[in-house]
Amino acid sequence: MKKLLLVISICLLTFMGGFIFIKRDTIFQEGNPTPYALAASKMMAHEKKVVKVKEDEGTVTYMVKQGKMDPYIKEMQKHGWTYTDRNIFSNRLEFKKGNKILSCGYKYYTRYYTLIYGEEM
């Protein structure tokens, strides 16, 4: 029985190691995949529309469903920003608050999510 468990464990670890090796470019495309996996699980489990992934040197990364920018735009509007434009060619969302203009870049992360790079709301 112990040998069978050992064989199954070794096979499972070998399979997982091979999968990670083959998909390493996708898994590690943004560096450490842990914050992105946690954000995706928050979106699924808690049914959140916008999730803060991480903060890095003044830039905050948010995750939304693939192509669904409206929840992020509504969150920004709650914090006093006015949505002005979306440039599809340069993947940017533009907001205005008084004399300040904020341009948030975004890119698609896997086929299910979009990452938006902006400032703290």
PDB file of N, CA and C in Angstrom:
ATOM      1  N   MET A   1       0.814  -1.190   0.000  1.00  0.00           N
ATOM      2  CA  MET A   1       0.000   0.000   0.000  1.00  0.00           C
ATOM      3  C   MET A   1       0.861   1.259   0.000  1.00  0.00           C
ATOM      4  N   LYS A   2       1.945   1.245   0.798  1.00  0.00           N
ATOM      5  CA  LYS A   2       2.817   2.407   0.863  1.00  0.00           C
ATOM      6  C   LYS A   2       3.555   2.597  -0.460  1.00  0.00           C
ATOM      7  N   LYS A   3       3.902   1.486  -1.112  1.00  0.00           N
ATOM      8  CA  LYS A   3       4.593   1.583  -2.406  1.00  0.00           C
ATOM      9  C   LYS A   3       3.673   2.179  -3.463  1.00  0.00           C
ATOM     10  N   LEU A   4       2.423   1.791  -3.437  1.00  0.00           N
ATOM     11  CA  LEU A   4       1.455   2.327  -4.384  1.00  0.00           C
ATOM     12  C   LEU A   4       1.285   3.829  -4.184  1.00  0.00           C
ATOM     13  N   LEU A   5       1.188   4.255  -2.941  1.00  0.00           N
ATOM     14  CA  LEU A   5       1.074   5.675  -2.627  1.00  0.00           C
ATOM     15  C   LEU A   5       2.320   6.432  -3.078  1.00  0.00           C
ATOM     16  N   LEU A   6       3.481   5.847  -2.887  1.00  0.00           N
ATOM     17  CA  LEU A   6       4.735   6.456  -3.317  1.00  0.00           C
ATOM     18  C   LEU A   6       4.788   6.576  -4.842  1.00  0.00           C
ATOM     19  N   VAL A   7       4.380   5.560  -5.549  1.00  0.00           N
ATOM     20  CA  VAL A   7       4.375   5.587  -7.017  1.00  0.00           C
ATOM     21  C   VAL A   7       3.398   6.637  -7.533  1.00  0.00           C
ATOM     22  N   ILE A   8       2.221   6.707  -6.934  1.00  0.00           N
ATOM     23  CA  ILE A   8       1.230   7.701  -7.349  1.00  0.00           C
ATOM     24  C   ILE A   8       1.758   9.109  -7.087  1.00  0.00           C
ATOM     25  N   SER A   9       2.382   9.316  -5.943  1.00  0.00           N
ATOM     26  CA  SER A   9       2.943  10.633  -5.610  1.00  0.00           C
ATOM     27  C   SER A   9       4.034  11.037  -6.593  1.00  0.00           C
ATOM     28  N   ILE A  10       4.918  10.116  -6.919  1.00  0.00           N
ATOM     29  CA  ILE A  10       5.998  10.403  -7.867  1.00  0.00           C
ATOM     30  C   ILE A  10       5.432  10.721  -9.247  1.00  0.00           C
ATOM     31  N   CYS A  11       4.438   9.954  -9.683  1.00  0.00           N
ATOM     32  CA  CYS A  11       3.814  10.209 -10.988  1.00  0.00           C
ATOM     33  C   CYS A  11       3.129  11.580 -11.011  1.00  0.00           C
ATOM     34  N   LEU A  12       2.444  11.906  -9.937  1.00  0.00           N
ATOM     35  CA  LEU A  12       1.755  13.191  -9.857  1.00  0.00           C
ATOM     36  C   LEU A  12       2.757  14.351  -9.876  1.00  0.00           C
ATOM     37  N   LEU A  13       3.825  14.249  -9.108  1.00  0.00           N
ATOM     38  CA  LEU A  13       4.852  15.289  -9.094  1.00  0.00           C
ATOM     39  C   LEU A  13       5.549  15.419 -10.447  1.00  0.00           C
ATOM     40  N   THR A  14       5.801  14.309 -11.094  1.00  0.00           N
ATOM     41  CA  THR A  14       6.420  14.340 -12.426  1.00  0.00           C
ATOM     42  C   THR A  14       5.499  15.014 -13.431  1.00  0.00           C
ATOM     43  N   PHE A  15       4.219  14.680 -13.388  1.00  0.00           N
ATOM     44  CA  PHE A  15       3.256  15.304 -14.283  1.00  0.00           C
ATOM     45  C   PHE A  15       3.167  16.808 -14.040  1.00  0.00           C
ATOM     46  N   MET A  16       3.078  17.230 -12.765  1.00  0.00           N
ATOM     47  CA  MET A  16       2.994  18.652 -12.444  1.00  0.00           C
ATOM     48  C   MET A  16       4.273  19.379 -12.852  1.00  0.00           C
ATOM     49  N   GLY A  17       5.417  18.763 -12.623  1.00  0.00           N
ATOM     50  CA  GLY A  17       6.687  19.379 -13.016  1.00  0.00           C
ATOM     51  C   GLY A  17       6.781  19.554 -14.521  1.00  0.00           C
ATOM     52  N   GLY A  18       6.359  18.556 -15.267  1.00  0.00           N
ATOM     53  CA  GLY A  18       6.359  18.650 -16.726  1.00  0.00           C
ATOM     54  C   GLY A  18       5.409  19.712 -17.227  1.00  0.00           C
ATOM     55  N   PHE A  19       4.224  19.783 -16.625  1.00  0.00           N
ATOM     56  CA  PHE A  19       3.247  20.794 -17.016  1.00  0.00           C
ATOM     57  C   PHE A  19       3.788  22.198 -16.764  1.00  0.00           C
ATOM     58  N   ILE A  20       4.368  22.417 -15.592  1.00  0.00           N
ATOM     59  CA  ILE A  20       4.928  23.736 -15.268  1.00  0.00           C
ATOM     60  C   ILE A  20       6.079  24.077 -16.203  1.00  0.00           C
ATOM     61  N   PHE A  21       6.903  23.090 -16.533  1.00  0.00           N
ATOM     62  CA  PHE A  21       8.015  23.342 -17.447  1.00  0.00           C
ATOM     63  C   PHE A  21       7.520  23.723 -18.842  1.00  0.00           C
ATOM     64  N   ILE A  22       6.514  23.030 -19.327  1.00  0.00           N
ATOM     65  CA  ILE A  22       5.980  23.309 -20.667  1.00  0.00           C
ATOM     66  C   ILE A  22       5.273  24.665 -20.709  1.00  0.00           C
ATOM     67  N   LYS A  23       4.522  25.009 -19.680  1.00  0.00           N
ATOM     68  CA  LYS A  23       3.739  26.244 -19.634  1.00  0.00           C
ATOM     69  C   LYS A  23       4.436  27.379 -18.879  1.00  0.00           C
ATOM     70  N   ARG A  24       5.742  27.299 -18.679  1.00  0.00           N
ATOM     71  CA  ARG A  24       6.460  28.283 -17.861  1.00  0.00           C
ATOM     72  C   ARG A  24       6.367  29.697 -18.412  1.00  0.00           C
ATOM     73  N   ASP A  25       6.341  29.872 -19.733  1.00  0.00           N
ATOM     74  CA  ASP A  25       6.239  31.213 -20.305  1.00  0.00           C
ATOM     75  C   ASP A  25       4.899  31.869 -19.958  1.00  0.00           C
ATOM     76  N   THR A  26       3.856  31.082 -19.965  1.00  0.00           N
ATOM     77  CA  THR A  26       2.535  31.604 -19.625  1.00  0.00           C
ATOM     78  C   THR A  26       2.393  31.817 -18.119  1.00  0.00           C
ATOM     79  N   ILE A  27       2.847  30.861 -17.346  1.00  0.00           N
ATOM     80  CA  ILE A  27       2.700  30.936 -15.892  1.00  0.00           C
ATOM     81  C   ILE A  27       3.499  32.100 -15.311  1.00  0.00           C
ATOM     82  N   PHE A  28       4.718  32.306 -15.800  1.00  0.00           N
ATOM     83  CA  PHE A  28       5.594  33.319 -15.232  1.00  0.00           C
ATOM     84  C   PHE A  28       5.699  34.573 -16.098  1.00  0.00           C
ATOM     85  N   GLN A  29       4.693  34.864 -16.906  1.00  0.00           N
ATOM     86  CA  GLN A  29       4.755  36.021 -17.797  1.00  0.00           C
ATOM     87  C   GLN A  29       4.803  37.342 -17.048  1.00  0.00           C
ATOM     88  N   GLU A  30       4.290  37.399 -15.851  1.00  0.00           N
ATOM     89  CA  GLU A  30       4.319  38.623 -15.049  1.00  0.00           C
ATOM     90  C   GLU A  30       5.209  38.454 -13.821  1.00  0.00           C
ATOM     91  N   GLY A  31       6.120  37.530 -13.848  1.00  0.00           N
ATOM     92  CA  GLY A  31       6.965  37.281 -12.681  1.00  0.00           C
ATOM     93  C   GLY A  31       6.324  36.238 -11.788  1.00  0.00           C
ATOM     94  N   ASN A  32       6.273  36.536 -10.505  1.00  0.00           N
ATOM     95  CA  ASN A  32       5.690  35.615  -9.530  1.00  0.00           C
ATOM     96  C   ASN A  32       4.186  35.472  -9.784  1.00  0.00           C
ATOM     97  N   PRO A  33       3.706  34.266 -10.068  1.00  0.00           N
ATOM     98  CA  PRO A  33       2.287  34.099 -10.395  1.00  0.00           C
ATOM     99  C   PRO A  33       1.361  34.072  -9.187  1.00  0.00           C
ATOM    100  N   THR A  34       1.897  34.043  -7.985  1.00  0.00           N
ATOM    101  CA  THR A  34       1.058  33.903  -6.794  1.00  0.00           C
ATOM    102  C   THR A  34       0.040  35.034  -6.624  1.00  0.00           C
ATOM    103  N   PRO A  35       0.434  36.337  -6.712  1.00  0.00           N
ATOM    104  CA  PRO A  35      -0.579  37.384  -6.534  1.00  0.00           C
ATOM    105  C   PRO A  35      -1.676  37.343  -7.595  1.00  0.00           C
ATOM    106  N   TYR A  36      -1.326  36.936  -8.794  1.00  0.00           N
ATOM    107  CA  TYR A  36      -2.316  36.870  -9.875  1.00  0.00           C
ATOM    108  C   TYR A  36      -3.282  35.704  -9.653  1.00  0.00           C
ATOM    109  N   ALA A  37      -2.763  34.584  -9.172  1.00  0.00           N
ATOM    110  CA  ALA A  37      -3.624  33.444  -8.868  1.00  0.00           C
ATOM    111  C   ALA A  37      -4.566  33.774  -7.707  1.00  0.00           C
ATOM    112  N   LEU A  38      -4.049  34.470  -6.701  1.00  0.00           N
ATOM    113  CA  LEU A  38      -4.903  34.873  -5.583  1.00  0.00           C
ATOM    114  C   LEU A  38      -5.992  35.851  -6.028  1.00  0.00           C
ATOM    115  N   ALA A  39      -5.626  36.794  -6.890  1.00  0.00           N
ATOM    116  CA  ALA A  39      -6.618  37.760  -7.394  1.00  0.00           C
ATOM    117  C   ALA A  39      -7.689  37.049  -8.221  1.00  0.00           C
ATOM    118  N   ALA A  40      -7.280  36.116  -9.064  1.00  0.00           N
ATOM    119  CA  ALA A  40      -8.253  35.375  -9.877  1.00  0.00           C
ATOM    120  C   ALA A  40      -9.182  34.545  -8.989  1.00  0.00           C
ATOM    121  N   SER A  41      -8.630  33.958  -7.931  1.00  0.00           N
ATOM    122  CA  SER A  41      -9.484  33.175  -7.038  1.00  0.00           C
ATOM    123  C   SER A  41     -10.453  34.069  -6.269  1.00  0.00           C
ATOM    124  N   LYS A  42     -10.026  35.293  -5.907  1.00  0.00           N
ATOM    125  CA  LYS A  42     -10.942  36.239  -5.257  1.00  0.00           C
ATOM    126  C   LYS A  42     -12.077  36.614  -6.196  1.00  0.00           C
ATOM    127  N   MET A  43     -11.746  36.788  -7.476  1.00  0.00           N
ATOM    128  CA  MET A  43     -12.790  37.143  -8.442  1.00  0.00           C
ATOM    129  C   MET A  43     -13.809  36.018  -8.581  1.00  0.00           C
ATOM    130  N   MET A  44     -13.326  34.784  -8.583  1.00  0.00           N
ATOM    131  CA  MET A  44     -14.238  33.653  -8.746  1.00  0.00           C
ATOM    132  C   MET A  44     -15.018  33.363  -7.468  1.00  0.00           C
ATOM    133  N   ALA A  45     -14.321  33.323  -6.328  1.00  0.00           N
ATOM    134  CA  ALA A  45     -14.966  32.919  -5.076  1.00  0.00           C
ATOM    135  C   ALA A  45     -15.880  34.005  -4.514  1.00  0.00           C
ATOM    136  N   HIS A  46     -15.445  35.246  -4.554  1.00  0.00           N
ATOM    137  CA  HIS A  46     -16.220  36.339  -3.964  1.00  0.00           C
ATOM    138  C   HIS A  46     -17.016  37.124  -4.997  1.00  0.00           C
ATOM    139  N   GLU A  47     -16.921  36.715  -6.244  1.00  0.00           N
ATOM    140  CA  GLU A  47     -17.632  37.349  -7.355  1.00  0.00           C
ATOM    141  C   GLU A  47     -17.371  38.849  -7.420  1.00  0.00           C
ATOM    142  N   LYS A  48     -16.115  39.225  -7.230  1.00  0.00           N
ATOM    143  CA  LYS A  48     -15.724  40.631  -7.340  1.00  0.00           C
ATOM    144  C   LYS A  48     -15.464  40.970  -8.796  1.00  0.00           C
ATOM    145  N   LYS A  49     -15.730  42.198  -9.157  1.00  0.00           N
ATOM    146  CA  LYS A  49     -15.536  42.648 -10.537  1.00  0.00           C
ATOM    147  C   LYS A  49     -14.131  43.209 -10.747  1.00  0.00           C
ATOM    148  N   VAL A  50     -13.578  43.871  -9.717  1.00  0.00           N
ATOM    149  CA  VAL A  50     -12.246  44.479  -9.779  1.00  0.00           C
ATOM    150  C   VAL A  50     -11.474  44.031  -8.545  1.00  0.00           C
ATOM    151  N   VAL A  51     -10.257  43.531  -8.748  1.00  0.00           N
ATOM    152  CA  VAL A  51      -9.436  43.069  -7.638  1.00  0.00           C
ATOM    153  C   VAL A  51      -8.061  43.716  -7.744  1.00  0.00           C
ATOM    154  N   LYS A  52      -7.584  44.232  -6.616  1.00  0.00           N
ATOM    155  CA  LYS A  52      -6.233  44.783  -6.564  1.00  0.00           C
ATOM    156  C   LYS A  52      -5.256  43.618  -6.470  1.00  0.00           C
ATOM    157  N   VAL A  53      -4.321  43.552  -7.428  1.00  0.00           N
ATOM    158  CA  VAL A  53      -3.375  42.442  -7.473  1.00  0.00           C
ATOM    159  C   VAL A  53      -2.143  42.758  -6.641  1.00  0.00           C
ATOM    160  N   LYS A  54      -1.485  43.866  -6.955  1.00  0.00           N
ATOM    161  CA  LYS A  54      -0.273  44.226  -6.221  1.00  0.00           C
ATOM    162  C   LYS A  54       0.043  45.699  -6.439  1.00  0.00           C
ATOM    163  N   GLU A  55       0.943  46.196  -5.598  1.00  0.00           N
ATOM    164  CA  GLU A  55       1.398  47.575  -5.697  1.00  0.00           C
ATOM    165  C   GLU A  55       2.908  47.540  -5.846  1.00  0.00           C
ATOM    166  N   ASP A  56       3.409  48.271  -6.842  1.00  0.00           N
ATOM    167  CA  ASP A  56       4.827  48.219  -7.156  1.00  0.00           C
ATOM    168  C   ASP A  56       5.320  49.598  -7.567  1.00  0.00           C
ATOM    169  N   GLU A  57       6.121  50.249  -6.737  1.00  0.00           N
ATOM    170  CA  GLU A  57       6.747  51.531  -7.053  1.00  0.00           C
ATOM    171  C   GLU A  57       5.751  52.583  -7.560  1.00  0.00           C
ATOM    172  N   GLY A  58       4.672  52.776  -6.853  1.00  0.00           N
ATOM    173  CA  GLY A  58       3.686  53.792  -7.215  1.00  0.00           C
ATOM    174  C   GLY A  58       2.662  53.347  -8.237  1.00  0.00           C
ATOM    175  N   THR A  59       2.842  52.180  -8.817  1.00  0.00           N
ATOM    176  CA  THR A  59       1.880  51.645  -9.783  1.00  0.00           C
ATOM    177  C   THR A  59       1.120  50.502  -9.133  1.00  0.00           C
ATOM    178  N   VAL A  60      -0.187  50.572  -9.241  1.00  0.00           N
ATOM    179  CA  VAL A  60      -1.034  49.533  -8.682  1.00  0.00           C
ATOM    180  C   VAL A  60      -1.615  48.726  -9.841  1.00  0.00           C
ATOM    181  N   THR A  61      -1.583  47.410  -9.714  1.00  0.00           N
ATOM    182  CA  THR A  61      -2.115  46.525 -10.741  1.00  0.00           C
ATOM    183  C   THR A  61      -3.469  45.999 -10.281  1.00  0.00           C
ATOM    184  N   TYR A  62      -4.476  46.161 -11.137  1.00  0.00           N
ATOM    185  CA  TYR A  62      -5.818  45.661 -10.875  1.00  0.00           C
ATOM    186  C   TYR A  62      -6.164  44.606 -11.922  1.00  0.00           C
ATOM    187  N   MET A  63      -7.036  43.681 -11.546  1.00  0.00           N
ATOM    188  CA  MET A  63      -7.468  42.628 -12.456  1.00  0.00           C
ATOM    189  C   MET A  63      -8.974  42.719 -12.645  1.00  0.00           C
ATOM    190  N   VAL A  64      -9.400  42.615 -13.912  1.00  0.00           N
ATOM    191  CA  VAL A  64     -10.820  42.565 -14.259  1.00  0.00           C
ATOM    192  C   VAL A  64     -11.019  41.402 -15.221  1.00  0.00           C
ATOM    193  N   LYS A  65     -12.262  41.054 -15.462  1.00  0.00           N
ATOM    194  CA  LYS A  65     -12.545  40.015 -16.460  1.00  0.00           C
ATOM    195  C   LYS A  65     -12.105  40.502 -17.832  1.00  0.00           C
ATOM    196  N   GLN A  66     -11.796  39.594 -18.712  1.00  0.00           N
ATOM    197  CA  GLN A  66     -11.279  39.902 -20.042  1.00  0.00           C
ATOM    198  C   GLN A  66     -12.153  40.924 -20.758  1.00  0.00           C
ATOM    199  N   GLY A  67     -11.604  42.102 -21.002  1.00  0.00           N
ATOM    200  CA  GLY A  67     -12.278  43.143 -21.768  1.00  0.00           C
ATOM    201  C   GLY A  67     -13.377  43.892 -21.037  1.00  0.00           C
ATOM    202  N   LYS A  68     -13.656  43.570 -19.786  1.00  0.00           N
ATOM    203  CA  LYS A  68     -14.724  44.228 -19.018  1.00  0.00           C
ATOM    204  C   LYS A  68     -14.132  45.395 -18.225  1.00  0.00           C
ATOM    205  N   MET A  69     -14.027  46.555 -18.870  1.00  0.00           N
ATOM    206  CA  MET A  69     -13.427  47.722 -18.231  1.00  0.00           C
ATOM    207  C   MET A  69     -14.428  48.526 -17.401  1.00  0.00           C
ATOM    208  N   ASP A  70     -15.726  48.316 -17.609  1.00  0.00           N
ATOM    209  CA  ASP A  70     -16.749  49.111 -16.925  1.00  0.00           C
ATOM    210  C   ASP A  70     -16.651  49.065 -15.396  1.00  0.00           C
ATOM    211  N   PRO A  71     -16.398  47.903 -14.767  1.00  0.00           N
ATOM    212  CA  PRO A  71     -16.281  47.915 -13.307  1.00  0.00           C
ATOM    213  C   PRO A  71     -15.111  48.775 -12.816  1.00  0.00           C
ATOM    214  N   TYR A  72     -14.005  48.756 -13.527  1.00  0.00           N
ATOM    215  CA  TYR A  72     -12.861  49.587 -13.143  1.00  0.00           C
ATOM    216  C   TYR A  72     -13.184  51.069 -13.331  1.00  0.00           C
ATOM    217  N   ILE A  73     -13.839  51.392 -14.421  1.00  0.00           N
ATOM    218  CA  ILE A  73     -14.220  52.782 -14.691  1.00  0.00           C
ATOM    219  C   ILE A  73     -15.177  53.281 -13.602  1.00  0.00           C
ATOM    220  N   LYS A  74     -16.140  52.454 -13.195  1.00  0.00           N
ATOM    221  CA  LYS A  74     -17.080  52.841 -12.144  1.00  0.00           C
ATOM    222  C   LYS A  74     -16.370  53.046 -10.808  1.00  0.00           C
ATOM    223  N   GLU A  75     -15.384  52.199 -10.498  1.00  0.00           N
ATOM    224  CA  GLU A  75     -14.610  52.368  -9.258  1.00  0.00           C
ATOM    225  C   GLU A  75     -13.833  53.677  -9.284  1.00  0.00           C
ATOM    226  N   MET A  76     -13.256  53.999 -10.422  1.00  0.00           N
ATOM    227  CA  MET A  76     -12.516  55.256 -10.534  1.00  0.00           C
ATOM    228  C   MET A  76     -13.460  56.447 -10.391  1.00  0.00           C
ATOM    229  N   GLN A  77     -14.662  56.342 -10.954  1.00  0.00           N
ATOM    230  CA  GLN A  77     -15.635  57.426 -10.841  1.00  0.00           C
ATOM    231  C   GLN A  77     -16.103  57.609  -9.399  1.00  0.00           C
ATOM    232  N   LYS A  78     -16.168  56.525  -8.632  1.00  0.00           N
ATOM    233  CA  LYS A  78     -16.518  56.632  -7.219  1.00  0.00           C
ATOM    234  C   LYS A  78     -15.473  57.428  -6.447  1.00  0.00           C
ATOM    235  N   HIS A  79     -14.230  57.405  -6.938  1.00  0.00           N
ATOM    236  CA  HIS A  79     -13.139  58.104  -6.273  1.00  0.00           C
ATOM    237  C   HIS A  79     -12.865  59.476  -6.888  1.00  0.00           C
ATOM    238  N   GLY A  80     -13.826  59.994  -7.657  1.00  0.00           N
ATOM    239  CA  GLY A  80     -13.733  61.360  -8.154  1.00  0.00           C
ATOM    240  C   GLY A  80     -13.122  61.531  -9.529  1.00  0.00           C
ATOM    241  N   TRP A  81     -12.734  60.459 -10.191  1.00  0.00           N
ATOM    242  CA  TRP A  81     -12.149  60.552 -11.529  1.00  0.00           C
ATOM    243  C   TRP A  81     -13.255  60.530 -12.576  1.00  0.00           C
ATOM    244  N   THR A  82     -13.071  61.266 -13.646  1.00  0.00           N
ATOM    245  CA  THR A  82     -14.012  61.288 -14.763  1.00  0.00           C
ATOM    246  C   THR A  82     -13.381  60.559 -15.937  1.00  0.00           C
ATOM    247  N   TYR A  83     -14.082  59.573 -16.440  1.00  0.00           N
ATOM    248  CA  TYR A  83     -13.598  58.808 -17.587  1.00  0.00           C
ATOM    249  C   TYR A  83     -13.692  59.678 -18.832  1.00  0.00           C
ATOM    250  N   THR A  84     -12.571  59.808 -19.581  1.00  0.00           N
ATOM    251  CA  THR A  84     -12.581  60.662 -20.768  1.00  0.00           C
ATOM    252  C   THR A  84     -12.430  59.884 -22.063  1.00  0.00           C
ATOM    253  N   ASP A  85     -11.574  58.846 -22.090  1.00  0.00           N
ATOM    254  CA  ASP A  85     -11.313  58.190 -23.367  1.00  0.00           C
ATOM    255  C   ASP A  85     -10.702  56.806 -23.156  1.00  0.00           C
ATOM    256  N   ARG A  86     -10.898  55.963 -24.164  1.00  0.00           N
ATOM    257  CA  ARG A  86     -10.231  54.657 -24.218  1.00  0.00           C
ATOM    258  C   ARG A  86      -9.549  54.557 -25.573  1.00  0.00           C
ATOM    259  N   ASN A  87      -8.233  54.460 -25.554  1.00  0.00           N
ATOM    260  CA  ASN A  87      -7.466  54.326 -26.777  1.00  0.00           C
ATOM    261  C   ASN A  87      -7.150  52.846 -26.983  1.00  0.00           C
ATOM    262  N   ILE A  88      -7.807  52.245 -27.945  1.00  0.00           N
ATOM    263  CA  ILE A  88      -7.653  50.816 -28.194  1.00  0.00           C
ATOM    264  C   ILE A  88      -6.288  50.504 -28.809  1.00  0.00           C
ATOM    265  N   PHE A  89      -5.753  51.442 -29.572  1.00  0.00           N
ATOM    266  CA  PHE A  89      -4.481  51.198 -30.245  1.00  0.00           C
ATOM    267  C   PHE A  89      -3.302  51.166 -29.281  1.00  0.00           C
ATOM    268  N   SER A  90      -3.339  51.989 -28.247  1.00  0.00           N
ATOM    269  CA  SER A  90      -2.234  51.991 -27.282  1.00  0.00           C
ATOM    270  C   SER A  90      -2.636  51.342 -25.952  1.00  0.00           C
ATOM    271  N   ASN A  91      -3.812  50.729 -25.883  1.00  0.00           N
ATOM    272  CA  ASN A  91      -4.310  50.059 -24.674  1.00  0.00           C
ATOM    273  C   ASN A  91      -4.237  50.969 -23.455  1.00  0.00           C
ATOM    274  N   ARG A  92      -4.950  52.084 -23.507  1.00  0.00           N
ATOM    275  CA  ARG A  92      -4.942  53.050 -22.409  1.00  0.00           C
ATOM    276  C   ARG A  92      -6.354  53.528 -22.102  1.00  0.00           C
ATOM    277  N   LEU A  93      -6.605  53.716 -20.819  1.00  0.00           N
ATOM    278  CA  LEU A  93      -7.825  54.355 -20.341  1.00  0.00           C
ATOM    279  C   LEU A  93      -7.415  55.704 -19.769  1.00  0.00           C
ATOM    280  N   GLU A  94      -8.144  56.747 -20.105  1.00  0.00           N
ATOM    281  CA  GLU A  94      -7.791  58.082 -19.630  1.00  0.00           C
ATOM    282  C   GLU A  94      -8.881  58.606 -18.706  1.00  0.00           C
ATOM    283  N   PHE A  95      -8.422  59.197 -17.591  1.00  0.00           N
ATOM    284  CA  PHE A  95      -9.309  59.771 -16.588  1.00  0.00           C
ATOM    285  C   PHE A  95      -8.851  61.191 -16.282  1.00  0.00           C
ATOM    286  N   LYS A  96      -9.776  62.000 -15.785  1.00  0.00           N
ATOM    287  CA  LYS A  96      -9.449  63.375 -15.428  1.00  0.00           C
ATOM    288  C   LYS A  96     -10.071  63.688 -14.071  1.00  0.00           C
ATOM    289  N   LYS A  97      -9.294  64.398 -13.254  1.00  0.00           N
ATOM    290  CA  LYS A  97      -9.760  64.815 -11.933  1.00  0.00           C
ATOM    291  C   LYS A  97      -9.189  66.202 -11.689  1.00  0.00           C
ATOM    292  N   GLY A  98     -10.027  67.220 -11.852  1.00  0.00           N
ATOM    293  CA  GLY A  98      -9.541  68.595 -11.739  1.00  0.00           C
ATOM    294  C   GLY A  98      -8.573  68.890 -12.877  1.00  0.00           C
ATOM    295  N   ASN A  99      -7.350  69.289 -12.544  1.00  0.00           N
ATOM    296  CA  ASN A  99      -6.324  69.567 -13.555  1.00  0.00           C
ATOM    297  C   ASN A  99      -5.440  68.364 -13.829  1.00  0.00           C
ATOM    298  N   LYS A 100      -5.682  67.267 -13.149  1.00  0.00           N
ATOM    299  CA  LYS A 100      -4.826  66.092 -13.266  1.00  0.00           C
ATOM    300  C   LYS A 100      -5.417  65.095 -14.270  1.00  0.00           C
ATOM    301  N   ILE A 101      -4.579  64.597 -15.150  1.00  0.00           N
ATOM    302  CA  ILE A 101      -4.985  63.584 -16.124  1.00  0.00           C
ATOM    303  C   ILE A 101      -4.231  62.295 -15.810  1.00  0.00           C
ATOM    304  N   LEU A 102      -4.952  61.195 -15.747  1.00  0.00           N
ATOM    305  CA  LEU A 102      -4.369  59.893 -15.445  1.00  0.00           C
ATOM    306  C   LEU A 102      -4.592  58.972 -16.638  1.00  0.00           C
ATOM    307  N   SER A 103      -3.529  58.377 -17.113  1.00  0.00           N
ATOM    308  CA  SER A 103      -3.606  57.430 -18.217  1.00  0.00           C
ATOM    309  C   SER A 103      -3.205  56.056 -17.687  1.00  0.00           C
ATOM    310  N   CYS A 104      -4.136  55.127 -17.691  1.00  0.00           N
ATOM    311  CA  CYS A 104      -3.912  53.778 -17.162  1.00  0.00           C
ATOM    312  C   CYS A 104      -3.751  52.800 -18.317  1.00  0.00           C
ATOM    313  N   GLY A 105      -2.628  52.133 -18.352  1.00  0.00           N
ATOM    314  CA  GLY A 105      -2.413  51.115 -19.372  1.00  0.00           C
ATOM    315  C   GLY A 105      -3.050  49.805 -18.966  1.00  0.00           C
ATOM    316  N   TYR A 106      -3.378  48.999 -19.941  1.00  0.00           N
ATOM    317  CA  TYR A 106      -3.919  47.681 -19.641  1.00  0.00           C
ATOM    318  C   TYR A 106      -3.396  46.676 -20.656  1.00  0.00           C
ATOM    319  N   LYS A 107      -3.397  45.424 -20.256  1.00  0.00           N
ATOM    320  CA  LYS A 107      -3.044  44.351 -21.185  1.00  0.00           C
ATOM    321  C   LYS A 107      -3.785  43.091 -20.784  1.00  0.00           C
ATOM    322  N   TYR A 108      -3.941  42.230 -21.755  1.00  0.00           N
ATOM    323  CA  TYR A 108      -4.673  41.001 -21.520  1.00  0.00           C
ATOM    324  C   TYR A 108      -3.757  39.985 -20.847  1.00  0.00           C
ATOM    325  N   TYR A 109      -4.282  39.354 -19.795  1.00  0.00           N
ATOM    326  CA  TYR A 109      -3.554  38.354 -19.028  1.00  0.00           C
ATOM    327  C   TYR A 109      -4.335  37.062 -19.140  1.00  0.00           C
ATOM    328  N   THR A 110      -3.784  36.111 -19.809  1.00  0.00           N
ATOM    329  CA  THR A 110      -4.460  34.874 -20.206  1.00  0.00           C
ATOM    330  C   THR A 110      -5.686  35.225 -21.038  1.00  0.00           C
ATOM    331  N   ARG A 111      -6.535  34.279 -21.271  1.00  0.00           N
ATOM    332  CA  ARG A 111      -7.708  34.594 -22.084  1.00  0.00           C
ATOM    333  C   ARG A 111      -8.914  34.972 -21.237  1.00  0.00           C
ATOM    334  N   TYR A 112      -8.747  34.985 -19.917  1.00  0.00           N
ATOM    335  CA  TYR A 112      -9.868  35.254 -19.033  1.00  0.00           C
ATOM    336  C   TYR A 112      -9.804  36.603 -18.328  1.00  0.00           C
ATOM    337  N   TYR A 113      -8.623  37.202 -18.209  1.00  0.00           N
ATOM    338  CA  TYR A 113      -8.460  38.400 -17.390  1.00  0.00           C
ATOM    339  C   TYR A 113      -7.702  39.506 -18.111  1.00  0.00           C
ATOM    340  N   THR A 114      -7.916  40.732 -17.648  1.00  0.00           N
ATOM    341  CA  THR A 114      -7.193  41.911 -18.115  1.00  0.00           C
ATOM    342  C   THR A 114      -6.545  42.570 -16.913  1.00  0.00           C
ATOM    343  N   LEU A 115      -5.286  42.960 -17.060  1.00  0.00           N
ATOM    344  CA  LEU A 115      -4.571  43.671 -16.012  1.00  0.00           C
ATOM    345  C   LEU A 115      -4.555  45.153 -16.345  1.00  0.00           C
ATOM    346  N   ILE A 116      -4.880  45.989 -15.380  1.00  0.00           N
ATOM    347  CA  ILE A 116      -4.885  47.438 -15.560  1.00  0.00           C
ATOM    348  C   ILE A 116      -3.847  48.030 -14.615  1.00  0.00           C
ATOM    349  N   TYR A 117      -2.981  48.863 -15.164  1.00  0.00           N
ATOM    350  CA  TYR A 117      -1.913  49.478 -14.386  1.00  0.00           C
ATOM    351  C   TYR A 117      -2.258  50.948 -14.171  1.00  0.00           C
ATOM    352  N   GLY A 118      -2.467  51.320 -12.915  1.00  0.00           N
ATOM    353  CA  GLY A 118      -2.851  52.696 -12.615  1.00  0.00           C
ATOM    354  C   GLY A 118      -2.322  53.125 -11.267  1.00  0.00           C
ATOM    355  N   GLU A 119      -2.983  54.105 -10.680  1.00  0.00           N
ATOM    356  CA  GLU A 119      -2.638  54.607  -9.359  1.00  0.00           C
ATOM    357  C   GLU A 119      -3.640  54.080  -8.343  1.00  0.00           C
ATOM    358  N   GLU A 120      -3.297  54.244  -7.075  1.00  0.00           N
ATOM    359  CA  GLU A 120      -4.214  53.854  -6.005  1.00  0.00           C
ATOM    360  C   GLU A 120      -5.497  54.662  -6.136  1.00  0.00           C
ATOM    361  N   MET A 121      -6.630  53.989  -6.019  1.00  0.00           N
ATOM    362  CA  MET A 121      -7.926  54.668  -6.166  1.00  0.00           C
ATOM    363  C   MET A 121      -8.207  55.583  -5.020  1.00  0.00           C
TER     364      MET A 121
END
